[in-house]
Amino acid sequence: MTAVVLTFPLKPEAPGFVERLVRAIDAQLPQLTDDATRLRVLEASEHRWTLRYLAFQRNVALGRYDETNGPTAFDYAIAISEISQRRVRLEAKLFKEASR
């Protein structure tokens, strides 16, 4: 199995990073070879953004977060939710195809 990693040219600190993330995902997923690969990429992306959110939480708890120049917890939640929605839709599609 070959690992596929989508790179997103994003800096979470920049305004609108969630919108750019969504556009990047939507642009890159169709370029992948098949739905199984797309699913693996979405799962990995969801995991990666969850880890970023946990690091964000840790930094906030330690007082190492600049509220004026960074994403909010809501930004991370939306990013993870957007990836998750795409993953769930793809899982449903694959399940439906396997049930035929």
PDB file of N, CA and C in Angstrom:
ATOM      1  N   MET A   1       0.847  -1.168   0.000  1.00  0.00           N
ATOM      2  CA  MET A   1       0.000   0.000   0.000  1.00  0.00           C
ATOM      3  C   MET A   1       0.895   1.235   0.000  1.00  0.00           C
ATOM      4  N   THR A   2       0.596   2.157  -0.880  1.00  0.00           N
ATOM      5  CA  THR A   2       1.358   3.391  -0.994  1.00  0.00           C
ATOM      6  C   THR A   2       0.684   4.488  -0.186  1.00  0.00           C
ATOM      7  N   ALA A   3       1.474   5.177   0.593  1.00  0.00           N
ATOM      8  CA  ALA A   3       0.931   6.292   1.380  1.00  0.00           C
ATOM      9  C   ALA A   3       0.805   7.519   0.493  1.00  0.00           C
ATOM     10  N   VAL A   4      -0.290   8.201   0.634  1.00  0.00           N
ATOM     11  CA  VAL A   4      -0.517   9.431  -0.107  1.00  0.00           C
ATOM     12  C   VAL A   4      -0.729  10.537   0.908  1.00  0.00           C
ATOM     13  N   VAL A   5      -0.036  11.619   0.713  1.00  0.00           N
ATOM     14  CA  VAL A   5      -0.182  12.756   1.611  1.00  0.00           C
ATOM     15  C   VAL A   5      -0.509  13.977   0.765  1.00  0.00           C
ATOM     16  N   LEU A   6      -1.597  14.627   1.099  1.00  0.00           N
ATOM     17  CA  LEU A   6      -1.936  15.881   0.442  1.00  0.00           C
ATOM     18  C   LEU A   6      -1.261  16.998   1.197  1.00  0.00           C
ATOM     19  N   THR A   7      -0.555  17.820   0.490  1.00  0.00           N
ATOM     20  CA  THR A   7       0.048  18.975   1.135  1.00  0.00           C
ATOM     21  C   THR A   7      -0.846  20.176   0.913  1.00  0.00           C
ATOM     22  N   PHE A   8      -1.081  20.902   1.952  1.00  0.00           N
ATOM     23  CA  PHE A   8      -1.910  22.085   1.873  1.00  0.00           C
ATOM     24  C   PHE A   8      -1.035  23.291   2.162  1.00  0.00           C
ATOM     25  N   PRO A   9      -0.902  24.187   1.196  1.00  0.00           N
ATOM     26  CA  PRO A   9      -0.050  25.359   1.405  1.00  0.00           C
ATOM     27  C   PRO A   9      -0.743  26.381   2.298  1.00  0.00           C
ATOM     28  N   LEU A  10      -0.933  26.005   3.530  1.00  0.00           N
ATOM     29  CA  LEU A  10      -1.710  26.850   4.434  1.00  0.00           C
ATOM     30  C   LEU A  10      -0.931  27.153   5.690  1.00  0.00           C
ATOM     31  N   LYS A  11      -1.154  28.319   6.192  1.00  0.00           N
ATOM     32  CA  LYS A  11      -0.669  28.667   7.512  1.00  0.00           C
ATOM     33  C   LYS A  11      -1.915  28.866   8.352  1.00  0.00           C
ATOM     34  N   PRO A  12      -2.126  28.034   9.371  1.00  0.00           N
ATOM     35  CA  PRO A  12      -3.335  28.168  10.177  1.00  0.00           C
ATOM     36  C   PRO A  12      -3.531  29.563  10.758  1.00  0.00           C
ATOM     37  N   GLU A  13      -2.449  30.327  10.900  1.00  0.00           N
ATOM     38  CA  GLU A  13      -2.590  31.662  11.480  1.00  0.00           C
ATOM     39  C   GLU A  13      -3.285  32.626  10.518  1.00  0.00           C
ATOM     40  N   ALA A  14      -3.205  32.340   9.231  1.00  0.00           N
ATOM     41  CA  ALA A  14      -3.743  33.271   8.237  1.00  0.00           C
ATOM     42  C   ALA A  14      -5.268  33.267   8.263  1.00  0.00           C
ATOM     43  N   PRO A  15      -5.864  34.438   8.108  1.00  0.00           N
ATOM     44  CA  PRO A  15      -7.332  34.501   8.057  1.00  0.00           C
ATOM     45  C   PRO A  15      -7.862  33.681   6.895  1.00  0.00           C
ATOM     46  N   GLY A  16      -8.963  33.003   7.127  1.00  0.00           N
ATOM     47  CA  GLY A  16      -9.594  32.233   6.066  1.00  0.00           C
ATOM     48  C   GLY A  16      -8.933  30.906   5.768  1.00  0.00           C
ATOM     49  N   PHE A  17      -8.106  30.401   6.676  1.00  0.00           N
ATOM     50  CA  PHE A  17      -7.411  29.157   6.357  1.00  0.00           C
ATOM     51  C   PHE A  17      -8.368  27.987   6.193  1.00  0.00           C
ATOM     52  N   VAL A  18      -9.492  27.990   6.879  1.00  0.00           N
ATOM     53  CA  VAL A  18     -10.459  26.895   6.739  1.00  0.00           C
ATOM     54  C   VAL A  18     -11.016  26.872   5.321  1.00  0.00           C
ATOM     55  N   GLU A  19     -11.371  28.025   4.802  1.00  0.00           N
ATOM     56  CA  GLU A  19     -11.903  28.086   3.447  1.00  0.00           C
ATOM     57  C   GLU A  19     -10.877  27.612   2.429  1.00  0.00           C
ATOM     58  N   ARG A  20      -9.616  28.004   2.615  1.00  0.00           N
ATOM     59  CA  ARG A  20      -8.566  27.557   1.696  1.00  0.00           C
ATOM     60  C   ARG A  20      -8.319  26.066   1.832  1.00  0.00           C
ATOM     61  N   LEU A  21      -8.397  25.559   3.049  1.00  0.00           N
ATOM     62  CA  LEU A  21      -8.240  24.126   3.261  1.00  0.00           C
ATOM     63  C   LEU A  21      -9.313  23.355   2.502  1.00  0.00           C
ATOM     64  N   VAL A  22     -10.549  23.788   2.635  1.00  0.00           N
ATOM     65  CA  VAL A  22     -11.661  23.113   1.968  1.00  0.00           C
ATOM     66  C   VAL A  22     -11.485  23.152   0.447  1.00  0.00           C
ATOM     67  N   ARG A  23     -11.114  24.311  -0.067  1.00  0.00           N
ATOM     68  CA  ARG A  23     -10.894  24.425  -1.520  1.00  0.00           C
ATOM     69  C   ARG A  23      -9.762  23.509  -1.970  1.00  0.00           C
ATOM     70  N   ALA A  24      -8.692  23.438  -1.184  1.00  0.00           N
ATOM     71  CA  ALA A  24      -7.557  22.581  -1.539  1.00  0.00           C
ATOM     72  C   ALA A  24      -7.960  21.106  -1.538  1.00  0.00           C
ATOM     73  N   ILE A  25      -8.707  20.697  -0.528  1.00  0.00           N
ATOM     74  CA  ILE A  25      -9.172  19.304  -0.474  1.00  0.00           C
ATOM     75  C   ILE A  25     -10.059  19.003  -1.670  1.00  0.00           C
ATOM     76  N   ASP A  26     -11.022  19.868  -1.921  1.00  0.00           N
ATOM     77  CA  ASP A  26     -11.952  19.634  -3.017  1.00  0.00           C
ATOM     78  C   ASP A  26     -11.265  19.640  -4.375  1.00  0.00           C
ATOM     79  N   ALA A  27     -10.178  20.371  -4.503  1.00  0.00           N
ATOM     80  CA  ALA A  27      -9.446  20.399  -5.760  1.00  0.00           C
ATOM     81  C   ALA A  27      -8.541  19.174  -5.924  1.00  0.00           C
ATOM     82  N   GLN A  28      -7.986  18.672  -4.817  1.00  0.00           N
ATOM     83  CA  GLN A  28      -7.009  17.589  -4.913  1.00  0.00           C
ATOM     84  C   GLN A  28      -7.614  16.198  -4.873  1.00  0.00           C
ATOM     85  N   LEU A  29      -8.741  16.032  -4.208  1.00  0.00           N
ATOM     86  CA  LEU A  29      -9.330  14.684  -4.122  1.00  0.00           C
ATOM     87  C   LEU A  29      -9.642  14.070  -5.487  1.00  0.00           C
ATOM     88  N   PRO A  30     -10.233  14.802  -6.424  1.00  0.00           N
ATOM     89  CA  PRO A  30     -10.532  14.191  -7.721  1.00  0.00           C
ATOM     90  C   PRO A  30      -9.285  13.746  -8.497  1.00  0.00           C
ATOM     91  N   GLN A  31      -8.140  14.294  -8.151  1.00  0.00           N
ATOM     92  CA  GLN A  31      -6.907  13.926  -8.838  1.00  0.00           C
ATOM     93  C   GLN A  31      -6.361  12.582  -8.373  1.00  0.00           C
ATOM     94  N   LEU A  32      -6.871  12.063  -7.270  1.00  0.00           N
ATOM     95  CA  LEU A  32      -6.415  10.770  -6.756  1.00  0.00           C
ATOM     96  C   LEU A  32      -7.017   9.649  -7.593  1.00  0.00           C
ATOM     97  N   THR A  33      -6.364   8.509  -7.580  1.00  0.00           N
ATOM     98  CA  THR A  33      -6.702   7.444  -8.514  1.00  0.00           C
ATOM     99  C   THR A  33      -8.018   6.737  -8.251  1.00  0.00           C
ATOM    100  N   ASP A  34      -8.402   6.577  -6.988  1.00  0.00           N
ATOM    101  CA  ASP A  34      -9.629   5.839  -6.702  1.00  0.00           C
ATOM    102  C   ASP A  34     -10.203   6.252  -5.350  1.00  0.00           C
ATOM    103  N   ASP A  35     -11.417   5.776  -5.069  1.00  0.00           N
ATOM    104  CA  ASP A  35     -12.098   6.162  -3.832  1.00  0.00           C
ATOM    105  C   ASP A  35     -11.402   5.620  -2.592  1.00  0.00           C
ATOM    106  N   ALA A  36     -10.799   4.443  -2.688  1.00  0.00           N
ATOM    107  CA  ALA A  36     -10.098   3.898  -1.523  1.00  0.00           C
ATOM    108  C   ALA A  36      -8.929   4.798  -1.125  1.00  0.00           C
ATOM    109  N   THR A  37      -8.222   5.306  -2.116  1.00  0.00           N
ATOM    110  CA  THR A  37      -7.115   6.227  -1.849  1.00  0.00           C
ATOM    111  C   THR A  37      -7.654   7.528  -1.276  1.00  0.00           C
ATOM    112  N   ARG A  38      -8.755   8.024  -1.841  1.00  0.00           N
ATOM    113  CA  ARG A  38      -9.362   9.254  -1.320  1.00  0.00           C
ATOM    114  C   ARG A  38      -9.760   9.081   0.143  1.00  0.00           C
ATOM    115  N   LEU A  39     -10.314   7.925   0.471  1.00  0.00           N
ATOM    116  CA  LEU A  39     -10.726   7.667   1.846  1.00  0.00           C
ATOM    117  C   LEU A  39      -9.521   7.666   2.784  1.00  0.00           C
ATOM    118  N   ARG A  40      -8.444   7.006   2.383  1.00  0.00           N
ATOM    119  CA  ARG A  40      -7.230   6.986   3.223  1.00  0.00           C
ATOM    120  C   ARG A  40      -6.685   8.392   3.426  1.00  0.00           C
ATOM    121  N   VAL A  41      -6.706   9.198   2.379  1.00  0.00           N
ATOM    122  CA  VAL A  41      -6.205  10.567   2.490  1.00  0.00           C
ATOM    123  C   VAL A  41      -7.083  11.385   3.435  1.00  0.00           C
ATOM    124  N   LEU A  42      -8.391  11.239   3.320  1.00  0.00           N
ATOM    125  CA  LEU A  42      -9.294  11.971   4.212  1.00  0.00           C
ATOM    126  C   LEU A  42      -9.123  11.528   5.656  1.00  0.00           C
ATOM    127  N   GLU A  43      -8.972  10.221   5.880  1.00  0.00           N
ATOM    128  CA  GLU A  43      -8.750   9.725   7.246  1.00  0.00           C
ATOM    129  C   GLU A  43      -7.461  10.299   7.825  1.00  0.00           C
ATOM    130  N   ALA A  44      -6.396  10.291   7.016  1.00  0.00           N
ATOM    131  CA  ALA A  44      -5.108  10.820   7.482  1.00  0.00           C
ATOM    132  C   ALA A  44      -5.203  12.325   7.740  1.00  0.00           C
ATOM    133  N   SER A  45      -5.902  13.042   6.870  1.00  0.00           N
ATOM    134  CA  SER A  45      -6.058  14.485   7.045  1.00  0.00           C
ATOM    135  C   SER A  45      -6.849  14.802   8.304  1.00  0.00           C
ATOM    136  N   GLU A  46      -7.924  14.048   8.516  1.00  0.00           N
ATOM    137  CA  GLU A  46      -8.731  14.260   9.720  1.00  0.00           C
ATOM    138  C   GLU A  46      -7.896  14.011  10.973  1.00  0.00           C
ATOM    139  N   HIS A  47      -7.102  12.961  10.951  1.00  0.00           N
ATOM    140  CA  HIS A  47      -6.238  12.646  12.093  1.00  0.00           C
ATOM    141  C   HIS A  47      -5.211  13.762  12.310  1.00  0.00           C
ATOM    142  N   ARG A  48      -4.601  14.212  11.232  1.00  0.00           N
ATOM    143  CA  ARG A  48      -3.577  15.256  11.325  1.00  0.00           C
ATOM    144  C   ARG A  48      -4.154  16.557  11.894  1.00  0.00           C
ATOM    145  N   TRP A  49      -5.352  16.949  11.425  1.00  0.00           N
ATOM    146  CA  TRP A  49      -5.956  18.183  11.933  1.00  0.00           C
ATOM    147  C   TRP A  49      -6.424  18.023  13.374  1.00  0.00           C
ATOM    148  N   THR A  50      -6.793  16.818  13.768  1.00  0.00           N
ATOM    149  CA  THR A  50      -7.143  16.565  15.166  1.00  0.00           C
ATOM    150  C   THR A  50      -5.908  16.732  16.046  1.00  0.00           C
ATOM    151  N   LEU A  51      -4.783  16.226  15.572  1.00  0.00           N
ATOM    152  CA  LEU A  51      -3.536  16.398  16.325  1.00  0.00           C
ATOM    153  C   LEU A  51      -3.140  17.874  16.426  1.00  0.00           C
ATOM    154  N   ARG A  52      -3.352  18.620  15.346  1.00  0.00           N
ATOM    155  CA  ARG A  52      -3.066  20.054  15.387  1.00  0.00           C
ATOM    156  C   ARG A  52      -3.958  20.752  16.415  1.00  0.00           C
ATOM    157  N   TYR A  53      -5.206  20.343  16.468  1.00  0.00           N
ATOM    158  CA  TYR A  53      -6.129  20.932  17.442  1.00  0.00           C
ATOM    159  C   TYR A  53      -5.692  20.604  18.868  1.00  0.00           C
ATOM    160  N   LEU A  54      -5.257  19.376  19.092  1.00  0.00           N
ATOM    161  CA  LEU A  54      -4.785  19.007  20.432  1.00  0.00           C
ATOM    162  C   LEU A  54      -3.551  19.821  20.819  1.00  0.00           C
ATOM    163  N   ALA A  55      -2.667  20.061  19.867  1.00  0.00           N
ATOM    164  CA  ALA A  55      -1.492  20.905  20.137  1.00  0.00           C
ATOM    165  C   ALA A  55      -1.932  22.334  20.444  1.00  0.00           C
ATOM    166  N   PHE A  56      -2.921  22.809  19.707  1.00  0.00           N
ATOM    167  CA  PHE A  56      -3.484  24.138  19.960  1.00  0.00           C
ATOM    168  C   PHE A  56      -4.029  24.209  21.392  1.00  0.00           C
ATOM    169  N   GLN A  57      -4.801  23.207  21.791  1.00  0.00           N
ATOM    170  CA  GLN A  57      -5.360  23.185  23.154  1.00  0.00           C
ATOM    171  C   GLN A  57      -4.258  23.206  24.198  1.00  0.00           C
ATOM    172  N   ARG A  58      -3.218  22.430  23.963  1.00  0.00           N
ATOM    173  CA  ARG A  58      -2.095  22.375  24.900  1.00  0.00           C
ATOM    174  C   ARG A  58      -1.435  23.754  25.008  1.00  0.00           C
ATOM    175  N   ASN A  59      -1.222  24.403  23.868  1.00  0.00           N
ATOM    176  CA  ASN A  59      -0.596  25.732  23.886  1.00  0.00           C
ATOM    177  C   ASN A  59      -1.471  26.753  24.601  1.00  0.00           C
ATOM    178  N   VAL A  60      -2.765  26.677  24.406  1.00  0.00           N
ATOM    179  CA  VAL A  60      -3.674  27.590  25.112  1.00  0.00           C
ATOM    180  C   VAL A  60      -3.571  27.349  26.617  1.00  0.00           C
ATOM    181  N   ALA A  61      -3.594  26.087  27.023  1.00  0.00           N
ATOM    182  CA  ALA A  61      -3.529  25.749  28.444  1.00  0.00           C
ATOM    183  C   ALA A  61      -2.213  26.220  29.076  1.00  0.00           C
ATOM    184  N   LEU A  62      -1.150  26.221  28.284  1.00  0.00           N
ATOM    185  CA  LEU A  62       0.150  26.643  28.798  1.00  0.00           C
ATOM    186  C   LEU A  62       0.390  28.145  28.644  1.00  0.00           C
ATOM    187  N   GLY A  63      -0.603  28.837  28.123  1.00  0.00           N
ATOM    188  CA  GLY A  63      -0.486  30.276  27.961  1.00  0.00           C
ATOM    189  C   GLY A  63       0.407  30.698  26.801  1.00  0.00           C
ATOM    190  N   ARG A  64       0.606  29.811  25.843  1.00  0.00           N
ATOM    191  CA  ARG A  64       1.479  30.109  24.703  1.00  0.00           C
ATOM    192  C   ARG A  64       0.676  30.354  23.430  1.00  0.00           C
ATOM    193  N   TYR A  65      -0.419  31.036  23.540  1.00  0.00           N
ATOM    194  CA  TYR A  65      -1.262  31.290  22.377  1.00  0.00           C
ATOM    195  C   TYR A  65      -1.557  32.778  22.270  1.00  0.00           C
ATOM    196  N   ASP A  66      -1.299  33.333  21.110  1.00  0.00           N
ATOM    197  CA  ASP A  66      -1.566  34.745  20.853  1.00  0.00           C
ATOM    198  C   ASP A  66      -2.931  34.853  20.187  1.00  0.00           C
ATOM    199  N   GLU A  67      -3.917  35.310  20.931  1.00  0.00           N
ATOM    200  CA  GLU A  67      -5.289  35.372  20.435  1.00  0.00           C
ATOM    201  C   GLU A  67      -5.457  36.327  19.264  1.00  0.00           C
ATOM    202  N   THR A  68      -4.546  37.271  19.120  1.00  0.00           N
ATOM    203  CA  THR A  68      -4.690  38.252  18.045  1.00  0.00           C
ATOM    204  C   THR A  68      -4.161  37.744  16.711  1.00  0.00           C
ATOM    205  N   ASN A  69      -3.400  36.670  16.708  1.00  0.00           N
ATOM    206  CA  ASN A  69      -2.770  36.231  15.464  1.00  0.00           C
ATOM    207  C   ASN A  69      -2.816  34.713  15.330  1.00  0.00           C
ATOM    208  N   GLY A  70      -3.987  34.162  15.383  1.00  0.00           N
ATOM    209  CA  GLY A  70      -4.048  32.718  15.253  1.00  0.00           C
ATOM    210  C   GLY A  70      -5.467  32.224  15.125  1.00  0.00           C
ATOM    211  N   PRO A  71      -5.598  30.954  14.799  1.00  0.00           N
ATOM    212  CA  PRO A  71      -6.921  30.373  14.666  1.00  0.00           C
ATOM    213  C   PRO A  71      -7.565  30.190  16.034  1.00  0.00           C
ATOM    214  N   THR A  72      -8.850  30.069  16.013  1.00  0.00           N
ATOM    215  CA  THR A  72      -9.590  29.806  17.238  1.00  0.00           C
ATOM    216  C   THR A  72      -9.937  28.331  17.300  1.00  0.00           C
ATOM    217  N   ALA A  73     -10.437  27.905  18.436  1.00  0.00           N
ATOM    218  CA  ALA A  73     -10.902  26.520  18.564  1.00  0.00           C
ATOM    219  C   ALA A  73     -12.006  26.254  17.541  1.00  0.00           C
ATOM    220  N   PHE A  74     -12.823  27.260  17.289  1.00  0.00           N
ATOM    221  CA  PHE A  74     -13.892  27.119  16.302  1.00  0.00           C
ATOM    222  C   PHE A  74     -13.311  26.850  14.917  1.00  0.00           C
ATOM    223  N   ASP A  75     -12.236  27.528  14.552  1.00  0.00           N
ATOM    224  CA  ASP A  75     -11.593  27.291  13.248  1.00  0.00           C
ATOM    225  C   ASP A  75     -11.157  25.833  13.116  1.00  0.00           C
ATOM    226  N   TYR A  76     -10.537  25.308  14.157  1.00  0.00           N
ATOM    227  CA  TYR A  76     -10.114  23.910  14.115  1.00  0.00           C
ATOM    228  C   TYR A  76     -11.316  22.979  14.029  1.00  0.00           C
ATOM    229  N   ALA A  77     -12.352  23.266  14.794  1.00  0.00           N
ATOM    230  CA  ALA A  77     -13.547  22.418  14.766  1.00  0.00           C
ATOM    231  C   ALA A  77     -14.181  22.411  13.377  1.00  0.00           C
ATOM    232  N   ILE A  78     -14.238  23.560  12.731  1.00  0.00           N
ATOM    233  CA  ILE A  78     -14.805  23.630  11.385  1.00  0.00           C
ATOM    234  C   ILE A  78     -13.924  22.863  10.402  1.00  0.00           C
ATOM    235  N   ALA A  79     -12.617  23.025  10.490  1.00  0.00           N
ATOM    236  CA  ALA A  79     -11.707  22.319   9.586  1.00  0.00           C
ATOM    237  C   ALA A  79     -11.885  20.805   9.727  1.00  0.00           C
ATOM    238  N   ILE A  80     -11.902  20.323  10.954  1.00  0.00           N
ATOM    239  CA  ILE A  80     -12.059  18.886  11.197  1.00  0.00           C
ATOM    240  C   ILE A  80     -13.428  18.420  10.720  1.00  0.00           C
ATOM    241  N   SER A  81     -14.445  19.217  10.961  1.00  0.00           N
ATOM    242  CA  SER A  81     -15.805  18.873  10.535  1.00  0.00           C
ATOM    243  C   SER A  81     -15.908  18.779   9.013  1.00  0.00           C
ATOM    244  N   GLU A  82     -15.293  19.717   8.314  1.00  0.00           N
ATOM    245  CA  GLU A  82     -15.336  19.702   6.846  1.00  0.00           C
ATOM    246  C   GLU A  82     -14.680  18.440   6.288  1.00  0.00           C
ATOM    247  N   ILE A  83     -13.536  18.083   6.849  1.00  0.00           N
ATOM    248  CA  ILE A  83     -12.850  16.863   6.407  1.00  0.00           C
ATOM    249  C   ILE A  83     -13.700  15.649   6.750  1.00  0.00           C
ATOM    250  N   SER A  84     -14.251  15.618   7.951  1.00  0.00           N
ATOM    251  CA  SER A  84     -15.068  14.505   8.409  1.00  0.00           C
ATOM    252  C   SER A  84     -16.306  14.319   7.531  1.00  0.00           C
ATOM    253  N   GLN A  85     -16.946  15.421   7.155  1.00  0.00           N
ATOM    254  CA  GLN A  85     -18.123  15.318   6.287  1.00  0.00           C
ATOM    255  C   GLN A  85     -17.771  14.648   4.965  1.00  0.00           C
ATOM    256  N   ARG A  86     -16.647  15.010   4.384  1.00  0.00           N
ATOM    257  CA  ARG A  86     -16.231  14.407   3.129  1.00  0.00           C
ATOM    258  C   ARG A  86     -15.911  12.925   3.313  1.00  0.00           C
ATOM    259  N   ARG A  87     -15.271  12.591   4.434  1.00  0.00           N
ATOM    260  CA  ARG A  87     -14.945  11.195   4.715  1.00  0.00           C
ATOM    261  C   ARG A  87     -16.208  10.362   4.874  1.00  0.00           C
ATOM    262  N   VAL A  88     -17.181  10.865   5.625  1.00  0.00           N
ATOM    263  CA  VAL A  88     -18.424  10.126   5.870  1.00  0.00           C
ATOM    264  C   VAL A  88     -19.200   9.918   4.568  1.00  0.00           C
ATOM    265  N   ARG A  89     -19.264  10.951   3.732  1.00  0.00           N
ATOM    266  CA  ARG A  89     -19.954  10.803   2.440  1.00  0.00           C
ATOM    267  C   ARG A  89     -19.284   9.744   1.575  1.00  0.00           C
ATOM    268  N   LEU A  90     -17.964   9.740   1.579  1.00  0.00           N
ATOM    269  CA  LEU A  90     -17.233   8.754   0.779  1.00  0.00           C
ATOM    270  C   LEU A  90     -17.417   7.354   1.352  1.00  0.00           C
ATOM    271  N   GLU A  91     -17.399   7.221   2.670  1.00  0.00           N
ATOM    272  CA  GLU A  91     -17.653   5.912   3.289  1.00  0.00           C
ATOM    273  C   GLU A  91     -19.042   5.402   2.926  1.00  0.00           C
ATOM    274  N   ALA A  92     -20.030   6.273   2.946  1.00  0.00           N
ATOM    275  CA  ALA A  92     -21.388   5.873   2.593  1.00  0.00           C
ATOM    276  C   ALA A  92     -21.451   5.425   1.145  1.00  0.00           C
ATOM    277  N   LYS A  93     -20.767   6.141   0.267  1.00  0.00           N
ATOM    278  CA  LYS A  93     -20.741   5.760  -1.140  1.00  0.00           C
ATOM    279  C   LYS A  93     -20.093   4.396  -1.324  1.00  0.00           C
ATOM    280  N   LEU A  94     -18.979   4.173  -0.665  1.00  0.00           N
ATOM    281  CA  LEU A  94     -18.275   2.893  -0.775  1.00  0.00           C
ATOM    282  C   LEU A  94     -19.111   1.756  -0.189  1.00  0.00           C
ATOM    283  N   PHE A  95     -19.799   2.021   0.912  1.00  0.00           N
ATOM    284  CA  PHE A  95     -20.665   1.009   1.524  1.00  0.00           C
ATOM    285  C   PHE A  95     -21.802   0.650   0.592  1.00  0.00           C
ATOM    286  N   LYS A  96     -22.399   1.659  -0.011  1.00  0.00           N
ATOM    287  CA  LYS A  96     -23.511   1.427  -0.927  1.00  0.00           C
ATOM    288  C   LYS A  96     -23.053   0.603  -2.129  1.00  0.00           C
ATOM    289  N   GLU A  97     -21.881   0.927  -2.662  1.00  0.00           N
ATOM    290  CA  GLU A  97     -21.345   0.175  -3.795  1.00  0.00           C
ATOM    291  C   GLU A  97     -21.017  -1.260  -3.408  1.00  0.00           C
ATOM    292  N   ALA A  98     -20.523  -1.473  -2.201  1.00  0.00           N
ATOM    293  CA  ALA A  98     -20.185  -2.829  -1.752  1.00  0.00           C
ATOM    294  C   ALA A  98     -21.433  -3.651  -1.465  1.00  0.00           C
ATOM    295  N   SER A  99     -22.547  -2.992  -1.186  1.00  0.00           N
ATOM    296  CA  SER A  99     -23.796  -3.691  -0.843  1.00  0.00           C
ATOM    297  C   SER A  99     -24.551  -4.180  -2.079  1.00  0.00           C
ATOM    298  N   ARG A 100     -24.149  -3.735  -3.232  1.00  0.00           N
ATOM    299  CA  ARG A 100     -24.860  -4.130  -4.452  1.00  0.00           C
ATOM    300  C   ARG A 100     -24.592  -5.535  -4.831  1.00  0.00           C
TER     301      ARG A 100
END
